[in-house]
């Protein structure tokens, strides 16, 4: 097994273990800050651990523009399916506009995958504009 695959395996194993012992989001954030994890990595980890995106943005104080920028940089919408399963990094499971979730046993188009993040960006914009 290649070194990169070993590291990825350890990362996903750690994510899986943490998911089983799900802690309050404030506690998880405190732990990650103490570990020196970057803000963008904290967002990615919490999203993979299936915390709701609105809870993540609220606790981390993420603005609509910051979430939009991070989503563009990290392709956050391609990290997991709408049910919360992570997408495998296998080219056979990804087409130009569709991505296969092996857990759900179905394909998702990018518009569907973008919905959750884009709705949160809109919600944050409304809140920042004083409409909420």
N, C-alpha and C. Protein backbone atom coordinates (compact mmCIF):
# COMPACT_ATOMS: atom_id res chain seq x y z
N UNK A 1 0.86 -1.18 0.00
CA UNK A 1 0.00 0.00 0.00
C UNK A 1 0.90 1.24 0.00
N UNK A 2 0.59 2.20 -0.83
CA UNK A 2 1.36 3.42 -0.94
C UNK A 2 1.22 4.25 0.34
N UNK A 3 2.23 5.07 0.59
CA UNK A 3 2.25 5.89 1.80
C UNK A 3 1.02 6.80 1.86
N UNK A 4 0.68 7.43 0.72
CA UNK A 4 -0.47 8.33 0.68
C UNK A 4 -1.75 7.60 1.07
N UNK A 5 -1.92 6.39 0.55
CA UNK A 5 -3.11 5.60 0.87
C UNK A 5 -3.17 5.25 2.35
N UNK A 6 -1.99 4.97 2.95
CA UNK A 6 -1.95 4.67 4.38
C UNK A 6 -2.40 5.88 5.19
N UNK A 7 -1.88 7.06 4.82
CA UNK A 7 -2.24 8.28 5.54
C UNK A 7 -3.74 8.56 5.39
N UNK A 8 -4.25 8.43 4.16
CA UNK A 8 -5.68 8.65 3.94
C UNK A 8 -6.51 7.65 4.76
N UNK A 9 -6.06 6.41 4.83
CA UNK A 9 -6.76 5.40 5.61
C UNK A 9 -6.82 5.76 7.08
N UNK A 10 -5.69 6.23 7.61
CA UNK A 10 -5.65 6.64 9.02
C UNK A 10 -6.57 7.83 9.27
N UNK A 11 -6.57 8.78 8.31
CA UNK A 11 -7.43 9.96 8.44
C UNK A 11 -8.90 9.54 8.49
N UNK A 12 -9.31 8.68 7.54
CA UNK A 12 -10.71 8.27 7.49
C UNK A 12 -11.07 7.39 8.68
N UNK A 13 -10.11 6.62 9.17
CA UNK A 13 -10.36 5.81 10.37
C UNK A 13 -10.62 6.74 11.56
N UNK A 14 -9.81 7.78 11.68
CA UNK A 14 -9.99 8.73 12.77
C UNK A 14 -11.34 9.43 12.66
N UNK A 15 -11.71 9.81 11.44
CA UNK A 15 -13.01 10.44 11.22
C UNK A 15 -14.12 9.48 11.64
N UNK A 16 -14.01 8.23 11.25
CA UNK A 16 -15.02 7.23 11.59
C UNK A 16 -15.14 7.03 13.08
N UNK A 17 -14.00 6.98 13.78
CA UNK A 17 -14.03 6.80 15.23
C UNK A 17 -14.67 8.00 15.90
N UNK A 18 -14.35 9.19 15.42
CA UNK A 18 -14.93 10.39 16.02
C UNK A 18 -16.42 10.46 15.77
N UNK A 19 -16.86 9.97 14.62
CA UNK A 19 -18.29 10.01 14.31
C UNK A 19 -19.06 9.16 15.31
N UNK A 20 -18.47 8.04 15.74
CA UNK A 20 -19.14 7.16 16.68
C UNK A 20 -19.31 7.81 18.05
N UNK A 21 -18.36 8.62 18.43
CA UNK A 21 -18.41 9.28 19.73
C UNK A 21 -18.71 10.76 19.56
N UNK A 22 -19.74 11.06 18.84
CA UNK A 22 -20.06 12.45 18.47
C UNK A 22 -20.21 13.32 19.71
N UNK A 23 -19.46 14.41 19.69
CA UNK A 23 -19.44 15.35 20.80
C UNK A 23 -20.18 16.62 20.39
N UNK A 24 -20.53 17.44 21.35
CA UNK A 24 -21.11 18.74 21.00
C UNK A 24 -20.11 19.51 20.13
N UNK A 25 -20.64 20.26 19.18
CA UNK A 25 -19.78 20.94 18.21
C UNK A 25 -18.81 21.91 18.88
N UNK A 26 -19.23 22.59 19.93
CA UNK A 26 -18.35 23.53 20.62
C UNK A 26 -17.13 22.80 21.20
N UNK A 27 -17.37 21.62 21.73
CA UNK A 27 -16.28 20.81 22.29
C UNK A 27 -15.32 20.35 21.19
N UNK A 28 -15.88 19.92 20.05
CA UNK A 28 -15.04 19.50 18.91
C UNK A 28 -14.19 20.66 18.40
N UNK A 29 -14.79 21.84 18.31
CA UNK A 29 -14.05 23.01 17.85
C UNK A 29 -12.90 23.33 18.81
N UNK A 30 -13.17 23.27 20.09
CA UNK A 30 -12.14 23.55 21.09
C UNK A 30 -10.98 22.56 20.94
N UNK A 31 -11.31 21.27 20.79
CA UNK A 31 -10.27 20.25 20.61
C UNK A 31 -9.42 20.54 19.37
N UNK A 32 -10.08 20.87 18.28
CA UNK A 32 -9.34 21.10 17.04
C UNK A 32 -8.49 22.36 17.12
N UNK A 33 -8.99 23.39 17.79
CA UNK A 33 -8.18 24.61 17.98
C UNK A 33 -6.95 24.30 18.81
N UNK A 34 -7.12 23.49 19.85
CA UNK A 34 -5.98 23.10 20.69
C UNK A 34 -4.95 22.30 19.91
N UNK A 35 -5.42 21.53 18.91
CA UNK A 35 -4.53 20.74 18.07
C UNK A 35 -3.88 21.59 16.97
N UNK A 36 -4.32 22.84 16.84
CA UNK A 36 -3.74 23.73 15.84
C UNK A 36 -4.24 23.48 14.42
N UNK A 37 -5.41 22.92 14.30
CA UNK A 37 -5.98 22.63 12.98
C UNK A 37 -6.47 23.93 12.36
N UNK A 38 -6.21 24.09 11.07
CA UNK A 38 -6.60 25.32 10.37
C UNK A 38 -8.12 25.44 10.30
N UNK A 39 -8.56 26.65 10.10
CA UNK A 39 -10.00 26.95 10.03
C UNK A 39 -10.67 26.17 8.90
N UNK A 40 -10.03 26.14 7.74
CA UNK A 40 -10.62 25.42 6.60
C UNK A 40 -10.67 23.92 6.87
N UNK A 41 -9.64 23.38 7.51
CA UNK A 41 -9.65 21.95 7.84
C UNK A 41 -10.70 21.63 8.91
N UNK A 42 -10.91 22.57 9.84
CA UNK A 42 -11.95 22.37 10.85
C UNK A 42 -13.32 22.27 10.17
N UNK A 43 -13.56 23.15 9.21
CA UNK A 43 -14.83 23.12 8.48
C UNK A 43 -15.00 21.78 7.77
N UNK A 44 -13.95 21.34 7.10
CA UNK A 44 -14.01 20.08 6.35
C UNK A 44 -14.26 18.89 7.29
N UNK A 45 -13.55 18.86 8.40
CA UNK A 45 -13.68 17.75 9.35
C UNK A 45 -15.09 17.72 9.95
N UNK A 46 -15.58 18.88 10.38
CA UNK A 46 -16.93 18.92 10.97
C UNK A 46 -17.98 18.52 9.95
N UNK A 47 -17.79 18.93 8.70
CA UNK A 47 -18.74 18.58 7.64
C UNK A 47 -18.71 17.07 7.40
N UNK A 48 -17.51 16.48 7.41
CA UNK A 48 -17.39 15.03 7.25
C UNK A 48 -17.97 14.27 8.44
N UNK A 49 -17.90 14.88 9.60
CA UNK A 49 -18.46 14.25 10.80
C UNK A 49 -19.97 14.43 10.89
N UNK A 50 -20.56 14.95 9.84
CA UNK A 50 -22.02 15.09 9.68
C UNK A 50 -22.66 16.11 10.61
N UNK A 51 -21.91 17.10 11.05
CA UNK A 51 -22.55 18.19 11.77
C UNK A 51 -23.31 19.02 10.74
N UNK A 52 -24.49 19.53 11.09
CA UNK A 52 -25.25 20.34 10.13
C UNK A 52 -24.47 21.60 9.74
N UNK A 53 -24.53 21.95 8.46
CA UNK A 53 -23.74 23.09 7.97
C UNK A 53 -24.14 24.39 8.67
N UNK A 54 -25.42 24.57 9.00
CA UNK A 54 -25.83 25.80 9.68
C UNK A 54 -25.22 25.88 11.07
N UNK A 55 -25.06 24.73 11.72
CA UNK A 55 -24.46 24.70 13.05
C UNK A 55 -22.96 24.99 12.96
N UNK A 56 -22.32 24.47 11.93
CA UNK A 56 -20.89 24.72 11.72
C UNK A 56 -20.64 26.20 11.49
N UNK A 57 -21.40 26.81 10.57
CA UNK A 57 -21.18 28.22 10.26
C UNK A 57 -21.48 29.10 11.46
N UNK A 58 -22.50 28.75 12.22
CA UNK A 58 -22.86 29.53 13.39
C UNK A 58 -21.77 29.47 14.46
N UNK A 59 -21.31 28.28 14.79
CA UNK A 59 -20.31 28.12 15.85
C UNK A 59 -18.94 28.66 15.45
N UNK A 60 -18.63 28.58 14.16
CA UNK A 60 -17.32 29.06 13.69
C UNK A 60 -17.35 30.53 13.29
N UNK A 61 -18.54 31.11 13.22
CA UNK A 61 -18.66 32.51 12.81
C UNK A 61 -18.30 32.73 11.35
N UNK A 62 -18.66 31.78 10.51
CA UNK A 62 -18.34 31.86 9.08
C UNK A 62 -19.37 32.74 8.38
N UNK A 63 -18.89 33.66 7.56
CA UNK A 63 -19.77 34.55 6.79
C UNK A 63 -20.13 33.89 5.46
N UNK A 64 -21.11 34.47 4.78
CA UNK A 64 -21.52 33.94 3.48
C UNK A 64 -20.38 33.98 2.48
N UNK A 65 -19.63 35.08 2.46
CA UNK A 65 -18.52 35.19 1.49
C UNK A 65 -17.41 34.21 1.83
N UNK A 66 -17.14 34.00 3.12
CA UNK A 66 -16.11 33.04 3.51
C UNK A 66 -16.53 31.61 3.14
N UNK A 67 -17.78 31.27 3.39
CA UNK A 67 -18.26 29.93 3.04
C UNK A 67 -18.21 29.73 1.53
N UNK A 68 -18.60 30.74 0.77
CA UNK A 68 -18.55 30.63 -0.68
C UNK A 68 -17.12 30.43 -1.16
N UNK A 69 -16.19 31.18 -0.59
CA UNK A 69 -14.77 31.06 -0.97
C UNK A 69 -14.23 29.67 -0.60
N UNK A 70 -14.51 29.22 0.61
CA UNK A 70 -14.04 27.90 1.05
C UNK A 70 -14.65 26.79 0.21
N UNK A 71 -15.92 26.93 -0.15
CA UNK A 71 -16.58 25.92 -0.97
C UNK A 71 -15.92 25.85 -2.35
N UNK A 72 -15.58 27.00 -2.92
CA UNK A 72 -14.93 27.02 -4.23
C UNK A 72 -13.53 26.41 -4.15
N UNK A 73 -12.79 26.75 -3.09
CA UNK A 73 -11.42 26.25 -2.93
C UNK A 73 -11.37 24.75 -2.64
N UNK A 74 -12.22 24.30 -1.73
CA UNK A 74 -12.16 22.91 -1.26
C UNK A 74 -13.14 21.98 -1.97
N UNK A 75 -14.02 22.54 -2.77
CA UNK A 75 -15.09 21.74 -3.40
C UNK A 75 -15.82 20.96 -2.30
N UNK A 76 -16.22 21.71 -1.29
CA UNK A 76 -16.89 21.13 -0.12
C UNK A 76 -18.08 20.26 -0.51
N UNK A 77 -18.79 20.67 -1.53
CA UNK A 77 -19.97 19.93 -1.98
C UNK A 77 -19.63 18.55 -2.52
N UNK A 78 -18.35 18.29 -2.85
CA UNK A 78 -17.95 16.98 -3.36
C UNK A 78 -17.37 16.07 -2.28
N UNK A 79 -17.40 16.51 -1.04
CA UNK A 79 -16.84 15.72 0.05
C UNK A 79 -17.78 14.60 0.47
N UNK A 80 -19.07 14.89 0.49
CA UNK A 80 -20.03 13.88 0.94
C UNK A 80 -21.33 13.99 0.15
N UNK A 81 -22.09 12.91 0.17
CA UNK A 81 -23.40 12.89 -0.49
C UNK A 81 -24.42 13.57 0.44
N UNK A 82 -25.63 13.82 -0.04
CA UNK A 82 -26.64 14.45 0.82
C UNK A 82 -26.98 13.65 2.09
N UNK A 83 -26.76 12.35 2.08
CA UNK A 83 -27.01 11.53 3.27
C UNK A 83 -25.83 11.57 4.25
N UNK A 84 -24.73 12.17 3.84
CA UNK A 84 -23.58 12.32 4.72
C UNK A 84 -22.45 11.33 4.49
N UNK A 85 -22.58 10.45 3.53
CA UNK A 85 -21.51 9.48 3.24
C UNK A 85 -20.42 10.17 2.44
N UNK A 86 -19.17 9.90 2.78
CA UNK A 86 -18.08 10.53 2.02
C UNK A 86 -17.93 9.85 0.67
N UNK A 87 -17.58 10.66 -0.32
CA UNK A 87 -17.32 10.11 -1.64
C UNK A 87 -15.92 9.52 -1.67
N UNK A 88 -15.76 8.37 -2.29
CA UNK A 88 -14.46 7.75 -2.43
C UNK A 88 -13.69 8.45 -3.54
N UNK A 89 -12.38 8.47 -3.39
CA UNK A 89 -11.51 9.13 -4.37
C UNK A 89 -11.14 8.14 -5.46
N UNK A 90 -12.13 7.70 -6.21
CA UNK A 90 -11.94 6.73 -7.28
C UNK A 90 -12.51 7.32 -8.56
N UNK A 91 -11.67 7.53 -9.58
CA UNK A 91 -12.14 8.15 -10.82
C UNK A 91 -13.33 7.43 -11.46
N UNK A 92 -13.45 6.13 -11.25
CA UNK A 92 -14.56 5.38 -11.83
C UNK A 92 -15.91 5.77 -11.22
N UNK A 93 -15.86 6.41 -10.05
CA UNK A 93 -17.09 6.80 -9.36
C UNK A 93 -17.49 8.25 -9.62
N UNK A 94 -16.76 8.91 -10.52
CA UNK A 94 -17.03 10.31 -10.80
C UNK A 94 -17.08 10.54 -12.31
N UNK A 95 -18.14 11.17 -12.76
CA UNK A 95 -18.27 11.57 -14.16
C UNK A 95 -18.20 13.10 -14.19
N UNK A 96 -18.40 13.68 -15.37
CA UNK A 96 -18.27 15.14 -15.48
C UNK A 96 -19.22 15.88 -14.55
N UNK A 97 -20.47 15.45 -14.48
CA UNK A 97 -21.45 16.15 -13.65
C UNK A 97 -22.19 15.20 -12.71
N UNK A 98 -21.60 14.05 -12.42
CA UNK A 98 -22.27 13.09 -11.54
C UNK A 98 -21.23 12.36 -10.69
N UNK A 99 -21.65 12.03 -9.48
CA UNK A 99 -20.75 11.38 -8.53
C UNK A 99 -21.52 10.26 -7.83
N UNK A 100 -20.88 9.11 -7.71
CA UNK A 100 -21.53 7.92 -7.18
C UNK A 100 -21.20 7.73 -5.70
N UNK A 101 -22.23 7.49 -4.90
CA UNK A 101 -22.05 7.17 -3.49
C UNK A 101 -22.21 5.66 -3.34
N UNK A 102 -21.16 5.00 -2.88
CA UNK A 102 -21.22 3.54 -2.74
C UNK A 102 -22.13 3.12 -1.59
N UNK A 103 -22.31 3.97 -0.60
CA UNK A 103 -23.21 3.65 0.52
C UNK A 103 -24.67 3.72 0.09
N UNK A 104 -25.03 4.78 -0.63
CA UNK A 104 -26.42 4.96 -1.10
C UNK A 104 -26.71 4.14 -2.35
N UNK A 105 -25.64 3.74 -3.03
CA UNK A 105 -25.74 3.01 -4.29
C UNK A 105 -26.52 3.81 -5.34
N UNK A 106 -26.14 5.11 -5.44
CA UNK A 106 -26.78 5.95 -6.44
C UNK A 106 -25.88 7.11 -6.86
N UNK A 107 -26.21 7.67 -8.00
CA UNK A 107 -25.49 8.81 -8.55
C UNK A 107 -26.16 10.10 -8.11
N UNK A 108 -25.35 11.12 -7.88
CA UNK A 108 -25.86 12.46 -7.56
C UNK A 108 -25.25 13.43 -8.56
N UNK A 109 -26.10 14.33 -9.11
CA UNK A 109 -25.53 15.34 -9.99
C UNK A 109 -25.02 16.51 -9.13
N UNK A 110 -24.18 17.35 -9.74
CA UNK A 110 -23.55 18.42 -8.96
C UNK A 110 -24.55 19.44 -8.45
N UNK A 111 -25.62 19.67 -9.19
CA UNK A 111 -26.64 20.63 -8.73
C UNK A 111 -27.23 20.18 -7.40
N UNK A 112 -27.52 18.91 -7.28
CA UNK A 112 -28.06 18.36 -6.03
C UNK A 112 -27.04 18.48 -4.91
N UNK A 113 -25.78 18.19 -5.23
CA UNK A 113 -24.73 18.23 -4.21
C UNK A 113 -24.46 19.66 -3.74
N UNK A 114 -24.62 20.62 -4.62
CA UNK A 114 -24.36 22.03 -4.27
C UNK A 114 -25.49 22.64 -3.44
N UNK A 115 -26.67 22.06 -3.47
CA UNK A 115 -27.85 22.66 -2.82
C UNK A 115 -27.63 23.03 -1.36
N UNK A 116 -27.15 22.11 -0.56
CA UNK A 116 -27.02 22.36 0.88
C UNK A 116 -26.12 23.56 1.16
N UNK A 117 -24.97 23.60 0.51
CA UNK A 117 -24.02 24.69 0.74
C UNK A 117 -24.58 26.01 0.21
N UNK A 118 -25.16 25.98 -0.99
CA UNK A 118 -25.69 27.22 -1.58
C UNK A 118 -26.87 27.76 -0.78
N UNK A 119 -27.70 26.89 -0.24
CA UNK A 119 -28.80 27.35 0.62
C UNK A 119 -28.26 28.00 1.89
N UNK A 120 -27.19 27.45 2.44
CA UNK A 120 -26.59 28.05 3.63
C UNK A 120 -25.96 29.40 3.30
N UNK A 121 -25.33 29.51 2.15
CA UNK A 121 -24.76 30.80 1.74
C UNK A 121 -25.87 31.84 1.64
N UNK A 122 -26.99 31.47 1.02
CA UNK A 122 -28.14 32.40 0.91
C UNK A 122 -28.69 32.77 2.28
N UNK A 123 -28.80 31.78 3.16
CA UNK A 123 -29.30 32.05 4.51
C UNK A 123 -28.40 33.04 5.24
N UNK A 124 -27.09 32.83 5.11
CA UNK A 124 -26.13 33.74 5.76
C UNK A 124 -26.21 35.14 5.17
N UNK A 125 -26.37 35.24 3.85
CA UNK A 125 -26.50 36.57 3.21
C UNK A 125 -27.72 37.30 3.74
N UNK A 126 -28.83 36.59 3.86
CA UNK A 126 -30.05 37.21 4.40
C UNK A 126 -29.83 37.68 5.83
N UNK A 127 -29.18 36.85 6.62
CA UNK A 127 -28.90 37.18 8.01
C UNK A 127 -27.96 38.40 8.10
N UNK A 128 -26.94 38.42 7.26
CA UNK A 128 -25.98 39.54 7.25
C UNK A 128 -26.64 40.84 6.78
N UNK A 129 -27.64 40.70 5.91
CA UNK A 129 -28.34 41.87 5.40
C UNK A 129 -29.42 42.37 6.36
N UNK A 130 -29.61 41.71 7.47
CA UNK A 130 -30.59 42.12 8.46
C UNK A 130 -32.00 41.67 8.16
N UNK A 131 -32.16 40.81 7.14
CA UNK A 131 -33.49 40.33 6.76
C UNK A 131 -33.95 39.21 7.68
N UNK A 132 -33.01 38.43 8.19
CA UNK A 132 -33.35 37.25 8.99
C UNK A 132 -33.84 37.58 10.33
